[in-house]
C-alpha atoms as a PDB file:
ATOM      1  CA  MET A   1      38.839-100.297 -85.527  1.00  0.00           C
ATOM      2  CA  ASN A   2      40.345 -98.495 -82.553  1.00  0.00           C
ATOM      3  CA  ALA A   3      40.302 -99.621 -78.920  1.00  0.00           C
ATOM      4  CA  LEU A   4      37.276 -97.514 -77.974  1.00  0.00           C
ATOM      5  CA  LYS A   5      35.181 -98.962 -80.794  1.00  0.00           C
ATOM      6  CA  LEU A   6      36.336-102.400 -79.700  1.00  0.00           C
ATOM      7  CA  LEU A   7      34.850-101.891 -76.248  1.00  0.00           C
ATOM      8  CA  GLN A   8      31.613-100.661 -77.774  1.00  0.00           C
ATOM      9  CA  GLN A   9      31.081-103.904 -79.713  1.00  0.00           C
ATOM     10  CA  SER A  10      29.831-105.826 -76.667  1.00  0.00           C
ATOM     11  CA  PRO A  11      29.046-104.779 -73.096  1.00  0.00           C
ATOM     12  CA  VAL A  12      30.956-107.796 -71.819  1.00  0.00           C
ATOM     13  CA  MET A  13      34.247-109.123 -73.125  1.00  0.00           C
ATOM     14  CA  PRO A  14      34.357-112.760 -72.017  1.00  0.00           C
ATOM     15  CA  VAL A  15      37.735-113.894 -70.749  1.00  0.00           C
ATOM     16  CA  ILE A  16      37.995-117.368 -72.235  1.00  0.00           C
ATOM     17  CA  VAL A  17      40.351-120.240 -71.485  1.00  0.00           C
ATOM     18  CA  ILE A  18      40.040-122.894 -74.196  1.00  0.00           C
ATOM     19  CA  LYS A  19      41.014-126.225 -72.657  1.00  0.00           C
ATOM     20  CA  ASP A  20      39.618-128.468 -75.396  1.00  0.00           C
ATOM     21  CA  ILE A  21      40.111-127.242 -78.963  1.00  0.00           C
ATOM     22  CA  ASP A  22      37.004-129.163 -80.040  1.00  0.00           C
ATOM     23  CA  THR A  23      34.842-126.749 -78.025  1.00  0.00           C
ATOM     24  CA  ALA A  24      36.312-123.521 -79.396  1.00  0.00           C
ATOM     25  CA  VAL A  25      34.138-122.892 -82.449  1.00  0.00           C
ATOM     26  CA  ASP A  26      30.848-123.976 -80.851  1.00  0.00           C
ATOM     27  CA  LEU A  27      31.581-121.825 -77.801  1.00  0.00           C
ATOM     28  CA  ALA A  28      32.251-118.794 -79.984  1.00  0.00           C
ATOM     29  CA  ARG A  29      29.039-119.367 -81.934  1.00  0.00           C
ATOM     30  CA  ALA A  30      27.040-119.666 -78.716  1.00  0.00           C
ATOM     31  CA  LEU A  31      28.383-116.331 -77.456  1.00  0.00           C
ATOM     32  CA  VAL A  32      27.832-114.536 -80.763  1.00  0.00           C
ATOM     33  CA  THR A  33      24.274-115.868 -80.934  1.00  0.00           C
ATOM     34  CA  GLY A  34      23.694-114.329 -77.518  1.00  0.00           C
ATOM     35  CA  GLY A  35      24.931-110.913 -78.647  1.00  0.00           C
ATOM     36  CA  ILE A  36      28.563-111.043 -77.539  1.00  0.00           C
ATOM     37  CA  ARG A  37      30.983-110.351 -80.394  1.00  0.00           C
ATOM     38  CA  SER A  38      34.319-109.532 -78.765  1.00  0.00           C
ATOM     39  CA  LEU A  39      35.996-112.700 -77.523  1.00  0.00           C
ATOM     40  CA  GLU A  40      39.237-112.629 -75.550  1.00  0.00           C
ATOM     41  CA  ILE A  41      40.994-115.972 -75.930  1.00  0.00           C
ATOM     42  CA  THR A  42      43.645-116.049 -73.221  1.00  0.00           C
ATOM     43  CA  LEU A  43      47.099-117.565 -73.581  1.00  0.00           C
ATOM     44  CA  ARG A  44      46.449-119.763 -70.573  1.00  0.00           C
ATOM     45  CA  SER A  45      46.262-123.035 -72.453  1.00  0.00           C
ATOM     46  CA  ASP A  46      48.347-124.927 -74.967  1.00  0.00           C
ATOM     47  CA  VAL A  47      45.660-124.651 -77.642  1.00  0.00           C
ATOM     48  CA  ALA A  48      44.997-120.898 -77.378  1.00  0.00           C
ATOM     49  CA  LEU A  49      46.593-119.943 -80.698  1.00  0.00           C
ATOM     50  CA  GLN A  50      44.932-122.880 -82.421  1.00  0.00           C
ATOM     51  CA  ALA A  51      41.583-121.747 -80.988  1.00  0.00           C
ATOM     52  CA  ILE A  52      42.094-118.189 -82.241  1.00  0.00           C
ATOM     53  CA  GLN A  53      42.822-119.516 -85.707  1.00  0.00           C
ATOM     54  CA  ALA A  54      39.839-121.874 -85.717  1.00  0.00           C
ATOM     55  CA  ILE A  55      37.337-119.305 -84.466  1.00  0.00           C
ATOM     56  CA  SER A  56      38.617-116.646 -86.845  1.00  0.00           C
ATOM     57  CA  ALA A  57      38.065-118.992 -89.786  1.00  0.00           C
ATOM     58  CA  ALA A  58      34.729-120.500 -88.735  1.00  0.00           C
ATOM     59  CA  VAL A  59      32.947-117.614 -86.990  1.00  0.00           C
ATOM     60  CA  PRO A  60      33.589-114.492 -89.085  1.00  0.00           C
ATOM     61  CA  GLU A  61      31.022-112.451 -87.168  1.00  0.00           C
ATOM     62  CA  ALA A  62      33.101-112.836 -83.999  1.00  0.00           C
ATOM     63  CA  LEU A  63      35.821-110.337 -83.160  1.00  0.00           C
ATOM     64  CA  VAL A  64      38.540-112.631 -81.846  1.00  0.00           C
ATOM     65  CA  GLY A  65      41.326-111.285 -79.682  1.00  0.00           C
ATOM     66  CA  VAL A  66      44.136-112.600 -77.516  1.00  0.00           C
ATOM     67  CA  GLY A  67      44.499-112.144 -73.775  1.00  0.00           C
ATOM     68  CA  THR A  68      47.211-112.652 -71.159  1.00  0.00           C
ATOM     69  CA  VAL A  69      49.759-111.147 -73.554  1.00  0.00           C
ATOM     70  CA  ARG A  70      53.080-110.549 -71.788  1.00  0.00           C
ATOM     71  CA  THR A  71      55.626-110.264 -74.580  1.00  0.00           C
ATOM     72  CA  PRO A  72      55.886-108.859 -78.117  1.00  0.00           C
ATOM     73  CA  ASP A  73      56.477-112.386 -79.431  1.00  0.00           C
ATOM     74  CA  GLN A  74      53.199-113.584 -77.951  1.00  0.00           C
ATOM     75  CA  LEU A  75      51.268-110.723 -79.515  1.00  0.00           C
ATOM     76  CA  GLU A  76      52.920-111.292 -82.878  1.00  0.00           C
ATOM     77  CA  ALA A  77      52.134-115.013 -82.824  1.00  0.00           C
ATOM     78  CA  ALA A  78      48.507-114.339 -81.922  1.00  0.00           C
ATOM     79  CA  MET A  79      48.157-111.808 -84.727  1.00  0.00           C
ATOM     80  CA  LYS A  80      49.494-114.366 -87.192  1.00  0.00           C
ATOM     81  CA  ALA A  81      46.841-116.773 -85.886  1.00  0.00           C
ATOM     82  CA  GLY A  82      44.133-114.206 -86.597  1.00  0.00           C
ATOM     83  CA  ALA A  83      43.792-112.135 -83.427  1.00  0.00           C
ATOM     84  CA  LYS A  84      42.145-108.771 -84.104  1.00  0.00           C
ATOM     85  CA  PHE A  85      42.994-107.211 -80.734  1.00  0.00           C
ATOM     86  CA  GLY A  86      45.247-107.824 -77.749  1.00  0.00           C
ATOM     87  CA  VAL A  87      44.815-107.610 -73.983  1.00  0.00           C
ATOM     88  CA  SER A  88      47.551-107.690 -71.355  1.00  0.00           C
ATOM     89  CA  PRO A  89      47.516-108.012 -67.553  1.00  0.00           C
ATOM     90  CA  GLY A  90      50.136-105.239 -67.398  1.00  0.00           C
ATOM     91  CA  LEU A  91      52.463-103.183 -69.557  1.00  0.00           C
ATOM     92  CA  THR A  92      56.226-103.208 -70.080  1.00  0.00           C
ATOM     93  CA  PRO A  93      58.225-100.749 -72.219  1.00  0.00           C
ATOM     94  CA  ASP A  94      58.998-103.461 -74.803  1.00  0.00           C
ATOM     95  CA  LEU A  95      55.376-104.559 -75.058  1.00  0.00           C
ATOM     96  CA  ALA A  96      54.176-100.956 -75.264  1.00  0.00           C
ATOM     97  CA  LYS A  97      56.583-100.222 -78.123  1.00  0.00           C
ATOM     98  CA  PHE A  98      55.557-103.272 -80.107  1.00  0.00           C
ATOM     99  CA  ALA A  99      51.821-102.939 -79.468  1.00  0.00           C
ATOM    100  CA  SER A 100      51.774 -99.271 -80.437  1.00  0.00           C
ATOM    101  CA  HIS A 101      52.865-100.247 -83.954  1.00  0.00           C
ATOM    102  CA  ALA A 102      51.011-103.561 -84.209  1.00  0.00           C
ATOM    103  CA  GLY A 103      48.055-102.123 -86.085  1.00  0.00           C
ATOM    104  CA  ILE A 104      45.373-103.664 -83.862  1.00  0.00           C
ATOM    105  CA  PRO A 105      43.598-102.380 -80.722  1.00  0.00           C
ATOM    106  CA  PHE A 106      45.552-103.162 -77.562  1.00  0.00           C
ATOM    107  CA  LEU A 107      44.320-102.912 -73.973  1.00  0.00           C
ATOM    108  CA  PRO A 108      47.165-102.716 -71.448  1.00  0.00           C
ATOM    109  CA  GLY A 109      46.455-103.769 -67.899  1.00  0.00           C
ATOM    110  CA  VAL A 110      46.807-101.117 -65.194  1.00  0.00           C
ATOM    111  CA  ALA A 111      46.138-101.113 -61.464  1.00  0.00           C
ATOM    112  CA  THR A 112      47.171 -97.617 -60.304  1.00  0.00           C
ATOM    113  CA  ALA A 113      47.022 -93.990 -61.399  1.00  0.00           C
ATOM    114  CA  SER A 114      50.736 -94.025 -62.234  1.00  0.00           C
ATOM    115  CA  GLU A 115      50.377 -97.117 -64.413  1.00  0.00           C
ATOM    116  CA  SER A 116      47.390 -95.553 -66.142  1.00  0.00           C
ATOM    117  CA  MET A 117      49.345 -92.368 -66.834  1.00  0.00           C
ATOM    118  CA  PHE A 118      52.310 -94.364 -68.182  1.00  0.00           C
ATOM    119  CA  ALA A 119      50.054 -96.354 -70.502  1.00  0.00           C
ATOM    120  CA  ALA A 120      48.375 -93.177 -71.733  1.00  0.00           C
ATOM    121  CA  ASP A 121      51.790 -91.643 -72.434  1.00  0.00           C
ATOM    122  CA  GLN A 122      52.530 -94.660 -74.648  1.00  0.00           C
ATOM    123  CA  GLY A 123      49.372 -93.948 -76.642  1.00  0.00           C
ATOM    124  CA  PHE A 124      46.925 -96.229 -74.823  1.00  0.00           C
ATOM    125  CA  ALA A 125      44.042 -94.158 -73.468  1.00  0.00           C
ATOM    126  CA  VAL A 126      41.762 -97.211 -73.399  1.00  0.00           C
ATOM    127  CA  GLN A 127      42.903 -99.591 -70.693  1.00  0.00           C
ATOM    128  CA  LYS A 128      42.083-102.719 -68.748  1.00  0.00           C
ATOM    129  CA  LEU A 129      41.784-102.189 -64.989  1.00  0.00           C
ATOM    130  CA  PHE A 130      43.113-105.433 -63.547  1.00  0.00           C
ATOM    131  CA  PRO A 131      42.521-107.111 -61.181  1.00  0.00           C
ATOM    132  CA  ALA A 132      39.585-104.741 -60.762  1.00  0.00           C
ATOM    133  CA  GLU A 133      37.933-105.883 -57.545  1.00  0.00           C
ATOM    134  CA  ALA A 134      41.243-106.596 -55.829  1.00  0.00           C
ATOM    135  CA  VAL A 135      42.676-103.121 -56.484  1.00  0.00           C
ATOM    136  CA  GLY A 136      39.636-101.056 -55.528  1.00  0.00           C
ATOM    137  CA  GLY A 137      36.964-101.755 -58.097  1.00  0.00           C
ATOM    138  CA  GLN A 138      34.242 -99.174 -58.496  1.00  0.00           C
ATOM    139  CA  ALA A 139      35.668 -96.905 -55.799  1.00  0.00           C
ATOM    140  CA  LEU A 140      39.018 -96.738 -57.599  1.00  0.00           C
ATOM    141  CA  LEU A 141      37.394 -96.045 -60.959  1.00  0.00           C
ATOM    142  CA  LYS A 142      35.349 -93.216 -59.448  1.00  0.00           C
ATOM    143  CA  ALA A 143      38.499 -91.765 -57.914  1.00  0.00           C
ATOM    144  CA  LEU A 144      40.461 -92.023 -61.173  1.00  0.00           C
ATOM    145  CA  TYR A 145      37.767 -90.245 -63.161  1.00  0.00           C
ATOM    146  CA  GLY A 146      38.523 -86.904 -61.532  1.00  0.00           C
ATOM    147  CA  PRO A 147      42.206 -86.539 -62.493  1.00  0.00           C
ATOM    148  CA  LEU A 148      42.068 -88.869 -65.530  1.00  0.00           C
ATOM    149  CA  PRO A 149      38.707 -88.155 -67.198  1.00  0.00           C
ATOM    150  CA  ASP A 150      40.033 -88.975 -70.668  1.00  0.00           C
ATOM    151  CA  ILE A 151      40.971 -92.569 -69.787  1.00  0.00           C
ATOM    152  CA  VAL A 152      38.423 -95.270 -70.648  1.00  0.00           C
ATOM    153  CA  PHE A 153      38.495 -98.608 -68.832  1.00  0.00           C
ATOM    154  CA  CYS A 154      37.462-102.209 -69.286  1.00  0.00           C
ATOM    155  CA  PRO A 155      37.601-103.460 -65.677  1.00  0.00           C
ATOM    156  CA  THR A 156      38.347-107.169 -65.397  1.00  0.00           C
ATOM    157  CA  GLY A 157      38.851-109.418 -62.401  1.00  0.00           C
ATOM    158  CA  GLY A 158      36.030-110.135 -59.981  1.00  0.00           C
ATOM    159  CA  ILE A 159      33.325-108.855 -62.327  1.00  0.00           C
ATOM    160  CA  ASN A 160      30.176-110.968 -62.477  1.00  0.00           C
ATOM    161  CA  ALA A 161      26.454-110.832 -63.200  1.00  0.00           C
ATOM    162  CA  ALA A 162      25.786-109.293 -59.795  1.00  0.00           C
ATOM    163  CA  ASN A 163      28.054-106.246 -60.122  1.00  0.00           C
ATOM    164  CA  ALA A 164      28.541-105.760 -63.867  1.00  0.00           C
ATOM    165  CA  ALA A 165      25.747-103.190 -64.266  1.00  0.00           C
ATOM    166  CA  GLN A 166      27.197-101.061 -61.461  1.00  0.00           C
ATOM    167  CA  TYR A 167      30.537-100.961 -63.258  1.00  0.00           C
ATOM    168  CA  MET A 168      28.913-100.151 -66.593  1.00  0.00           C
ATOM    169  CA  ALA A 169      27.093 -97.194 -65.027  1.00  0.00           C
ATOM    170  CA  LEU A 170      30.426 -95.451 -64.341  1.00  0.00           C
ATOM    171  CA  PRO A 171      31.328 -92.698 -66.832  1.00  0.00           C
ATOM    172  CA  ASN A 172      34.833 -94.048 -67.511  1.00  0.00           C
ATOM    173  CA  VAL A 173      33.742 -97.647 -68.185  1.00  0.00           C
ATOM    174  CA  GLN A 174      32.697 -98.806 -71.674  1.00  0.00           C
ATOM    175  CA  CYS A 175      32.881-102.565 -71.232  1.00  0.00           C
ATOM    176  CA  VAL A 176      33.651-105.137 -68.557  1.00  0.00           C
ATOM    177  CA  GLY A 177      35.635-108.348 -68.789  1.00  0.00           C
ATOM    178  CA  GLY A 178      34.661-111.542 -67.052  1.00  0.00           C
ATOM    179  CA  SER A 179      34.568-115.307 -67.170  1.00  0.00           C
ATOM    180  CA  TRP A 180      31.026-115.874 -65.937  1.00  0.00           C
ATOM    181  CA  LEU A 181      29.631-116.265 -69.457  1.00  0.00           C
ATOM    182  CA  THR A 182      31.686-119.402 -70.036  1.00  0.00           C
ATOM    183  CA  PRO A 183      31.393-121.624 -66.937  1.00  0.00           C
ATOM    184  CA  ASP A 184      33.764-124.572 -67.048  1.00  0.00           C
ATOM    185  CA  ALA A 185      30.987-127.085 -66.458  1.00  0.00           C
ATOM    186  CA  ALA A 186      28.815-125.676 -69.251  1.00  0.00           C
ATOM    187  CA  VAL A 187      31.700-125.664 -71.721  1.00  0.00           C
ATOM    188  CA  ALA A 188      32.826-129.163 -70.794  1.00  0.00           C
ATOM    189  CA  GLY A 189      29.230-130.379 -71.067  1.00  0.00           C
ATOM    190  CA  ARG A 190      28.788-128.555 -74.373  1.00  0.00           C
ATOM    191  CA  GLN A 191      25.718-126.762 -73.027  1.00  0.00           C
ATOM    192  CA  TRP A 192      25.750-124.147 -75.763  1.00  0.00           C
ATOM    193  CA  ASP A 193      22.154-123.015 -75.257  1.00  0.00           C
ATOM    194  CA  ALA A 194      22.954-122.249 -71.619  1.00  0.00           C
ATOM    195  CA  ILE A 195      25.939-120.126 -72.647  1.00  0.00           C
ATOM    196  CA  THR A 196      23.844-118.274 -75.232  1.00  0.00           C
ATOM    197  CA  THR A 197      21.321-117.552 -72.484  1.00  0.00           C
ATOM    198  CA  LEU A 198      24.048-116.187 -70.211  1.00  0.00           C
ATOM    199  CA  ALA A 199      25.263-113.942 -73.024  1.00  0.00           C
ATOM    200  CA  ARG A 200      21.773-112.618 -73.691  1.00  0.00           C
ATOM    201  CA  GLU A 201      21.183-111.988 -69.986  1.00  0.00           C
ATOM    202  CA  ALA A 202      24.456-110.091 -69.743  1.00  0.00           C
ATOM    203  CA  CYS A 203      23.549-107.845 -72.654  1.00  0.00           C
ATOM    204  CA  THR A 204      20.110-107.157 -71.177  1.00  0.00           C
ATOM    205  CA  LEU A 205      21.506-106.515 -67.705  1.00  0.00           C
ATOM    206  CA  LEU A 206      24.143-104.079 -68.909  1.00  0.00           C
ATOM    207  CA  ALA A 207      21.794-102.249 -71.252  1.00  0.00           C
ATOM    208  CA  VAL A 208      19.936-100.877 -68.232  1.00  0.00           C
ATOM    209  CA  PRO A 209      22.067 -98.779 -65.795  1.00  0.00           C
END
């Protein structure tokens, strides 16, 4: 699977911080039941790699990836744990070199036209615009489409149920990233039906421009 096909798996790629390993598998199942397959497990907790391994083993229909990747070592460790794709908040030369030969889809984070051009030169034409709302959001994506029509984005950062459909309607957007499908209170309370409902609503919302 390449990066473009990755984005086409689900209209929303939930950005997930697993705080309690005991919630990881049930959370993944709740999202998959709601129609969301691509799950970005961020390296923002001590149990992230353990969660990737557990979900990969217990929820085979999920496409489990790793987020907040900053170094080649982090990406390598996540791949050993079972990660099928990687996402980064930015891109360094060392990370670009390693990711380009890693054998899995990789979405580098970009925030400007120059960063987008650099990432494309490294072989990454599918990118994560981050932090999307803070750096210009929809207006920036519209502006980038003119000179960079071949670049496809997954905007992340400030995306929610209220603005996701507007992002998805843009010609250079294939998927959006966001944390609204996994509210902390719902996860902590193990309200899996509520999370499945949020996933289903997201898919329905984004299916209609």
